[in-house]
Amino acid sequence: MNKLTFYRGLLYALRQQRGSFVAEGERFHRAFASTVECAQRSHPPDAIPPAIHLDPLFGMYREANEMLLEGEQDLLLSLLNPRHRQAQFRIDTDDAKRELEELPHPDWFLSLGKHFDAMLIATG
């Protein structure tokens, strides 16, 4: 599975859980990393998630930012207010569900979306 398909699947699945999220900061990057690690442990044989790389200086994952940019280019996300990046989904839940069902392993992506949502909520 290529990383763009992974990003789309994850965003479609996250849309099933929420309409927006804070798309910056430590909590966002930890949630992204935890979700990719969960995907790496649970992936179907033909759906290997992308590798991620922590920038040790800034504590950010470039792949998380790449996912946001791809989501914006695909018109799935709108990144509001550049000082506090609030990502608003531009796709409704029904369309996201239809698109998710077109991808391989929609149930796996849905479980990853639930994990990502839970990690975005988690404190500390």
N, C-alpha and C. Protein backbone atom coordinates (compact mmCIF):
# COMPACT_ATOMS: atom_id res chain seq x y z
N MET A 1 0.85 -1.17 0.00
CA MET A 1 0.00 0.00 0.00
C MET A 1 0.90 1.23 0.00
N ASN A 2 0.61 2.16 -0.89
CA ASN A 2 1.43 3.36 -0.90
C ASN A 2 0.99 4.32 0.22
N LYS A 3 1.87 5.23 0.56
CA LYS A 3 1.60 6.08 1.72
C LYS A 3 0.43 7.03 1.48
N LEU A 4 0.18 7.45 0.25
CA LEU A 4 -0.96 8.33 0.00
C LEU A 4 -2.28 7.61 0.25
N THR A 5 -2.35 6.34 -0.12
CA THR A 5 -3.55 5.55 0.17
C THR A 5 -3.71 5.40 1.68
N PHE A 6 -2.60 5.18 2.38
CA PHE A 6 -2.65 5.08 3.83
C PHE A 6 -3.16 6.37 4.45
N TYR A 7 -2.61 7.50 4.01
CA TYR A 7 -3.04 8.80 4.55
C TYR A 7 -4.53 9.03 4.29
N ARG A 8 -4.98 8.76 3.07
CA ARG A 8 -6.40 8.96 2.75
C ARG A 8 -7.29 8.06 3.61
N GLY A 9 -6.90 6.80 3.72
CA GLY A 9 -7.70 5.88 4.54
C GLY A 9 -7.77 6.33 5.98
N LEU A 10 -6.65 6.78 6.52
CA LEU A 10 -6.63 7.24 7.90
C LEU A 10 -7.49 8.49 8.07
N LEU A 11 -7.42 9.41 7.13
CA LEU A 11 -8.23 10.62 7.23
C LEU A 11 -9.72 10.32 7.06
N TYR A 12 -10.08 9.45 6.11
CA TYR A 12 -11.49 9.06 5.95
C TYR A 12 -12.00 8.42 7.24
N ALA A 13 -11.19 7.57 7.84
CA ALA A 13 -11.60 6.89 9.07
C ALA A 13 -11.69 7.87 10.24
N LEU A 14 -10.76 8.80 10.33
CA LEU A 14 -10.82 9.80 11.39
C LEU A 14 -12.05 10.68 11.22
N ARG A 15 -12.43 10.95 9.98
CA ARG A 15 -13.63 11.75 9.73
C ARG A 15 -14.87 11.07 10.29
N GLN A 16 -14.87 9.75 10.35
CA GLN A 16 -15.99 9.02 10.93
C GLN A 16 -16.12 9.31 12.42
N GLN A 17 -15.04 9.77 13.05
CA GLN A 17 -15.02 10.00 14.49
C GLN A 17 -15.24 11.47 14.86
N ARG A 18 -14.83 12.39 14.01
CA ARG A 18 -14.87 13.82 14.38
C ARG A 18 -14.88 14.69 13.13
N GLY A 19 -15.26 15.95 13.32
CA GLY A 19 -15.32 16.90 12.22
C GLY A 19 -14.10 17.78 12.11
N SER A 20 -13.31 17.85 13.18
CA SER A 20 -12.10 18.68 13.15
C SER A 20 -11.14 18.20 14.22
N PHE A 21 -9.91 18.69 14.14
CA PHE A 21 -8.90 18.36 15.15
C PHE A 21 -7.77 19.38 15.07
N VAL A 22 -7.06 19.51 16.18
CA VAL A 22 -5.88 20.38 16.21
C VAL A 22 -4.75 19.62 15.51
N ALA A 23 -4.23 20.22 14.45
CA ALA A 23 -3.28 19.55 13.58
C ALA A 23 -1.86 20.05 13.78
N GLU A 24 -1.48 20.24 15.03
CA GLU A 24 -0.12 20.66 15.35
C GLU A 24 0.16 20.30 16.80
N GLY A 25 1.40 20.41 17.17
CA GLY A 25 1.77 20.23 18.55
C GLY A 25 2.08 18.79 18.94
N GLU A 26 2.55 18.67 20.16
CA GLU A 26 3.00 17.39 20.66
C GLU A 26 1.89 16.34 20.67
N ARG A 27 0.71 16.70 21.12
CA ARG A 27 -0.40 15.73 21.18
C ARG A 27 -0.73 15.19 19.79
N PHE A 28 -0.80 16.06 18.79
CA PHE A 28 -1.10 15.61 17.44
C PHE A 28 -0.03 14.66 16.94
N HIS A 29 1.24 15.03 17.11
CA HIS A 29 2.32 14.18 16.60
C HIS A 29 2.41 12.86 17.36
N ARG A 30 2.18 12.88 18.67
CA ARG A 30 2.15 11.63 19.43
C ARG A 30 1.00 10.74 18.98
N ALA A 31 -0.16 11.34 18.73
CA ALA A 31 -1.32 10.56 18.27
C ALA A 31 -1.04 9.94 16.91
N PHE A 32 -0.43 10.71 16.02
CA PHE A 32 -0.08 10.18 14.70
C PHE A 32 0.89 9.01 14.83
N ALA A 33 1.95 9.20 15.61
CA ALA A 33 2.96 8.15 15.78
C ALA A 33 2.35 6.90 16.40
N SER A 34 1.52 7.07 17.42
CA SER A 34 0.88 5.93 18.07
C SER A 34 -0.02 5.17 17.09
N THR A 35 -0.71 5.92 16.24
CA THR A 35 -1.60 5.29 15.26
C THR A 35 -0.82 4.52 14.21
N VAL A 36 0.28 5.09 13.74
CA VAL A 36 1.11 4.37 12.76
C VAL A 36 1.74 3.14 13.40
N GLU A 37 2.18 3.24 14.65
CA GLU A 37 2.71 2.07 15.35
C GLU A 37 1.65 1.00 15.51
N CYS A 38 0.43 1.40 15.83
CA CYS A 38 -0.69 0.44 15.91
C CYS A 38 -0.90 -0.22 14.54
N ALA A 39 -0.85 0.57 13.48
CA ALA A 39 -1.01 0.04 12.13
C ALA A 39 0.11 -0.94 11.78
N GLN A 40 1.32 -0.64 12.21
CA GLN A 40 2.44 -1.52 11.93
C GLN A 40 2.32 -2.86 12.65
N ARG A 41 1.67 -2.86 13.80
CA ARG A 41 1.46 -4.11 14.55
C ARG A 41 0.29 -4.92 14.01
N SER A 42 -0.69 -4.26 13.38
CA SER A 42 -1.94 -4.94 13.06
C SER A 42 -2.27 -5.00 11.58
N HIS A 43 -1.36 -4.57 10.72
CA HIS A 43 -1.70 -4.45 9.30
C HIS A 43 -1.96 -5.79 8.63
N PRO A 44 -2.89 -5.80 7.64
CA PRO A 44 -3.04 -6.97 6.77
C PRO A 44 -1.76 -7.16 5.96
N PRO A 45 -1.51 -8.37 5.49
CA PRO A 45 -0.25 -8.65 4.78
C PRO A 45 0.03 -7.73 3.59
N ASP A 46 -1.01 -7.28 2.91
CA ASP A 46 -0.80 -6.45 1.72
C ASP A 46 -1.00 -4.95 2.00
N ALA A 47 -0.96 -4.56 3.27
CA ALA A 47 -1.21 -3.16 3.63
C ALA A 47 -0.16 -2.68 4.63
N ILE A 48 1.08 -2.69 4.22
CA ILE A 48 2.17 -2.28 5.11
C ILE A 48 2.16 -0.75 5.23
N PRO A 49 2.02 -0.23 6.45
CA PRO A 49 2.01 1.22 6.64
C PRO A 49 3.37 1.84 6.35
N PRO A 50 3.39 3.14 6.08
CA PRO A 50 4.67 3.79 5.80
C PRO A 50 5.53 3.88 7.06
N ALA A 51 6.82 3.96 6.85
CA ALA A 51 7.74 4.22 7.96
C ALA A 51 7.61 5.69 8.33
N ILE A 52 7.83 5.99 9.61
CA ILE A 52 7.78 7.38 10.06
C ILE A 52 9.11 7.74 10.70
N HIS A 53 9.42 9.02 10.67
CA HIS A 53 10.72 9.49 11.16
C HIS A 53 10.52 10.70 12.05
N LEU A 54 10.96 10.59 13.28
CA LEU A 54 10.88 11.68 14.23
C LEU A 54 12.03 12.65 14.01
N ASP A 55 11.69 13.93 13.90
CA ASP A 55 12.71 14.97 13.84
C ASP A 55 13.13 15.23 15.29
N PRO A 56 14.33 14.82 15.68
CA PRO A 56 14.72 14.93 17.09
C PRO A 56 14.84 16.36 17.59
N LEU A 57 15.07 17.29 16.70
CA LEU A 57 15.21 18.68 17.10
C LEU A 57 13.84 19.31 17.43
N PHE A 58 12.84 19.01 16.61
CA PHE A 58 11.54 19.63 16.77
C PHE A 58 10.49 18.69 17.37
N GLY A 59 10.79 17.40 17.47
CA GLY A 59 9.84 16.44 18.03
C GLY A 59 8.61 16.25 17.17
N MET A 60 8.77 16.36 15.85
CA MET A 60 7.66 16.24 14.92
C MET A 60 7.94 15.14 13.91
N TYR A 61 6.85 14.60 13.36
CA TYR A 61 6.96 13.59 12.31
C TYR A 61 6.63 14.26 10.98
N ARG A 62 7.58 14.27 10.07
CA ARG A 62 7.33 14.93 8.78
C ARG A 62 6.19 14.25 8.04
N GLU A 63 6.00 12.96 8.28
CA GLU A 63 4.92 12.24 7.61
C GLU A 63 3.54 12.73 8.09
N ALA A 64 3.45 13.16 9.34
CA ALA A 64 2.18 13.72 9.84
C ALA A 64 1.85 14.99 9.08
N ASN A 65 2.85 15.83 8.89
CA ASN A 65 2.64 17.07 8.12
C ASN A 65 2.34 16.75 6.65
N GLU A 66 3.00 15.74 6.13
CA GLU A 66 2.74 15.32 4.76
C GLU A 66 1.30 14.85 4.61
N MET A 67 0.79 14.10 5.60
CA MET A 67 -0.60 13.65 5.56
C MET A 67 -1.55 14.85 5.53
N LEU A 68 -1.27 15.87 6.34
CA LEU A 68 -2.12 17.06 6.36
C LEU A 68 -2.11 17.76 5.00
N LEU A 69 -0.93 17.91 4.42
CA LEU A 69 -0.84 18.59 3.12
C LEU A 69 -1.56 17.79 2.03
N GLU A 70 -1.40 16.48 2.05
CA GLU A 70 -2.11 15.64 1.08
C GLU A 70 -3.62 15.74 1.28
N GLY A 71 -4.05 15.76 2.54
CA GLY A 71 -5.47 15.92 2.83
C GLY A 71 -6.02 17.24 2.34
N GLU A 72 -5.21 18.28 2.45
CA GLU A 72 -5.64 19.60 1.96
C GLU A 72 -5.67 19.61 0.43
N GLN A 73 -4.67 19.01 -0.21
CA GLN A 73 -4.64 18.96 -1.68
C GLN A 73 -5.79 18.13 -2.23
N ASP A 74 -6.17 17.08 -1.51
CA ASP A 74 -7.28 16.22 -1.94
C ASP A 74 -8.64 16.80 -1.56
N LEU A 75 -8.63 17.99 -0.98
CA LEU A 75 -9.85 18.68 -0.54
C LEU A 75 -10.60 17.93 0.55
N LEU A 76 -9.87 17.14 1.33
CA LEU A 76 -10.46 16.46 2.49
C LEU A 76 -10.41 17.36 3.72
N LEU A 77 -9.38 18.19 3.79
CA LEU A 77 -9.16 19.05 4.96
C LEU A 77 -9.05 20.51 4.55
N SER A 78 -9.42 21.34 5.48
CA SER A 78 -9.14 22.76 5.39
C SER A 78 -8.36 23.12 6.64
N LEU A 79 -7.17 23.63 6.47
CA LEU A 79 -6.34 24.00 7.61
C LEU A 79 -6.58 25.48 7.91
N LEU A 80 -7.26 25.72 9.02
CA LEU A 80 -7.67 27.07 9.39
C LEU A 80 -6.64 27.73 10.28
N ASN A 81 -6.57 29.04 10.21
CA ASN A 81 -5.76 29.85 11.10
C ASN A 81 -4.32 29.32 11.20
N PRO A 82 -3.41 29.90 10.44
CA PRO A 82 -2.05 29.37 10.40
C PRO A 82 -1.29 29.43 11.73
N ARG A 83 -1.77 30.19 12.69
CA ARG A 83 -1.06 30.25 13.97
C ARG A 83 -1.47 29.10 14.88
N HIS A 84 -2.63 28.59 14.72
CA HIS A 84 -3.11 27.45 15.51
C HIS A 84 -3.86 26.56 14.52
N ARG A 85 -3.15 25.60 13.97
CA ARG A 85 -3.70 24.85 12.85
C ARG A 85 -4.83 23.94 13.27
N GLN A 86 -6.02 24.40 13.05
CA GLN A 86 -7.22 23.61 13.26
C GLN A 86 -7.59 23.00 11.92
N ALA A 87 -7.59 21.69 11.84
CA ALA A 87 -7.96 21.02 10.59
C ALA A 87 -9.45 20.72 10.63
N GLN A 88 -10.16 21.25 9.66
CA GLN A 88 -11.60 21.04 9.53
C GLN A 88 -11.81 20.12 8.33
N PHE A 89 -12.55 19.05 8.52
CA PHE A 89 -12.82 18.17 7.38
C PHE A 89 -13.77 18.87 6.42
N ARG A 90 -13.48 18.77 5.14
CA ARG A 90 -14.32 19.36 4.10
C ARG A 90 -15.23 18.30 3.49
N ILE A 91 -15.14 17.09 3.95
CA ILE A 91 -15.92 15.98 3.44
C ILE A 91 -16.87 15.54 4.55
N ASP A 92 -18.12 15.24 4.20
CA ASP A 92 -19.05 14.82 5.26
C ASP A 92 -18.85 13.34 5.57
N THR A 93 -19.45 12.89 6.65
CA THR A 93 -19.21 11.52 7.10
C THR A 93 -19.69 10.48 6.10
N ASP A 94 -20.81 10.74 5.42
CA ASP A 94 -21.32 9.77 4.44
C ASP A 94 -20.36 9.62 3.26
N ASP A 95 -19.85 10.75 2.75
CA ASP A 95 -18.89 10.68 1.65
C ASP A 95 -17.59 10.01 2.10
N ALA A 96 -17.15 10.33 3.31
CA ALA A 96 -15.93 9.70 3.84
C ALA A 96 -16.13 8.19 3.96
N LYS A 97 -17.30 7.79 4.41
CA LYS A 97 -17.58 6.35 4.55
C LYS A 97 -17.57 5.67 3.18
N ARG A 98 -18.19 6.29 2.19
CA ARG A 98 -18.19 5.71 0.83
C ARG A 98 -16.76 5.60 0.29
N GLU A 99 -15.98 6.66 0.46
CA GLU A 99 -14.59 6.64 -0.02
C GLU A 99 -13.77 5.59 0.72
N LEU A 100 -13.98 5.49 2.01
CA LEU A 100 -13.26 4.50 2.81
C LEU A 100 -13.57 3.09 2.34
N GLU A 101 -14.82 2.84 2.01
CA GLU A 101 -15.23 1.50 1.56
C GLU A 101 -14.64 1.14 0.20
N GLU A 102 -14.19 2.15 -0.54
CA GLU A 102 -13.54 1.89 -1.84
C GLU A 102 -12.08 1.47 -1.67
N LEU A 103 -11.50 1.75 -0.51
CA LEU A 103 -10.10 1.40 -0.26
C LEU A 103 -9.99 -0.04 0.23
N PRO A 104 -8.83 -0.64 0.06
CA PRO A 104 -8.62 -1.97 0.64
C PRO A 104 -8.64 -1.87 2.17
N HIS A 105 -9.22 -2.86 2.82
CA HIS A 105 -9.22 -3.00 4.28
C HIS A 105 -9.89 -1.84 5.03
N PRO A 106 -11.12 -1.49 4.65
CA PRO A 106 -11.79 -0.37 5.32
C PRO A 106 -11.98 -0.58 6.82
N ASP A 107 -12.20 -1.82 7.26
CA ASP A 107 -12.37 -2.07 8.69
C ASP A 107 -11.08 -1.80 9.47
N TRP A 108 -9.96 -2.12 8.87
CA TRP A 108 -8.67 -1.85 9.50
C TRP A 108 -8.47 -0.34 9.64
N PHE A 109 -8.75 0.38 8.55
CA PHE A 109 -8.63 1.83 8.62
C PHE A 109 -9.57 2.42 9.66
N LEU A 110 -10.78 1.89 9.75
CA LEU A 110 -11.74 2.41 10.73
C LEU A 110 -11.21 2.21 12.14
N SER A 111 -10.59 1.07 12.41
CA SER A 111 -10.02 0.84 13.75
C SER A 111 -8.85 1.81 13.99
N LEU A 112 -8.08 2.12 12.95
CA LEU A 112 -7.00 3.09 13.10
C LEU A 112 -7.55 4.50 13.34
N GLY A 113 -8.64 4.83 12.67
CA GLY A 113 -9.27 6.12 12.89
C GLY A 113 -9.76 6.27 14.32
N LYS A 114 -10.31 5.20 14.86
CA LYS A 114 -10.76 5.24 16.26
C LYS A 114 -9.58 5.39 17.20
N HIS A 115 -8.48 4.71 16.89
CA HIS A 115 -7.27 4.83 17.71
C HIS A 115 -6.74 6.26 17.65
N PHE A 116 -6.65 6.82 16.45
CA PHE A 116 -6.15 8.19 16.28
C PHE A 116 -7.03 9.16 17.07
N ASP A 117 -8.34 9.00 16.96
CA ASP A 117 -9.27 9.86 17.69
C ASP A 117 -9.03 9.76 19.19
N ALA A 118 -8.90 8.54 19.70
CA ALA A 118 -8.68 8.35 21.14
C ALA A 118 -7.37 8.99 21.57
N MET A 119 -6.34 8.89 20.74
CA MET A 119 -5.05 9.46 21.09
C MET A 119 -5.08 11.00 21.03
N LEU A 120 -5.89 11.54 20.13
CA LEU A 120 -6.03 13.00 20.09
C LEU A 120 -6.74 13.53 21.33
N ILE A 121 -7.60 12.72 21.91
CA ILE A 121 -8.33 13.09 23.12
C ILE A 121 -7.49 12.92 24.37
N ALA A 122 -6.64 11.88 24.36
CA ALA A 122 -5.85 11.53 25.54
C ALA A 122 -5.03 12.72 26.04
N THR A 123 -4.89 12.81 27.32
CA THR A 123 -4.11 13.90 27.90
C THR A 123 -2.67 13.48 28.14
N GLY A 124 -1.85 14.48 28.34
CA GLY A 124 -0.48 14.26 28.77
C GLY A 124 0.37 13.72 27.76
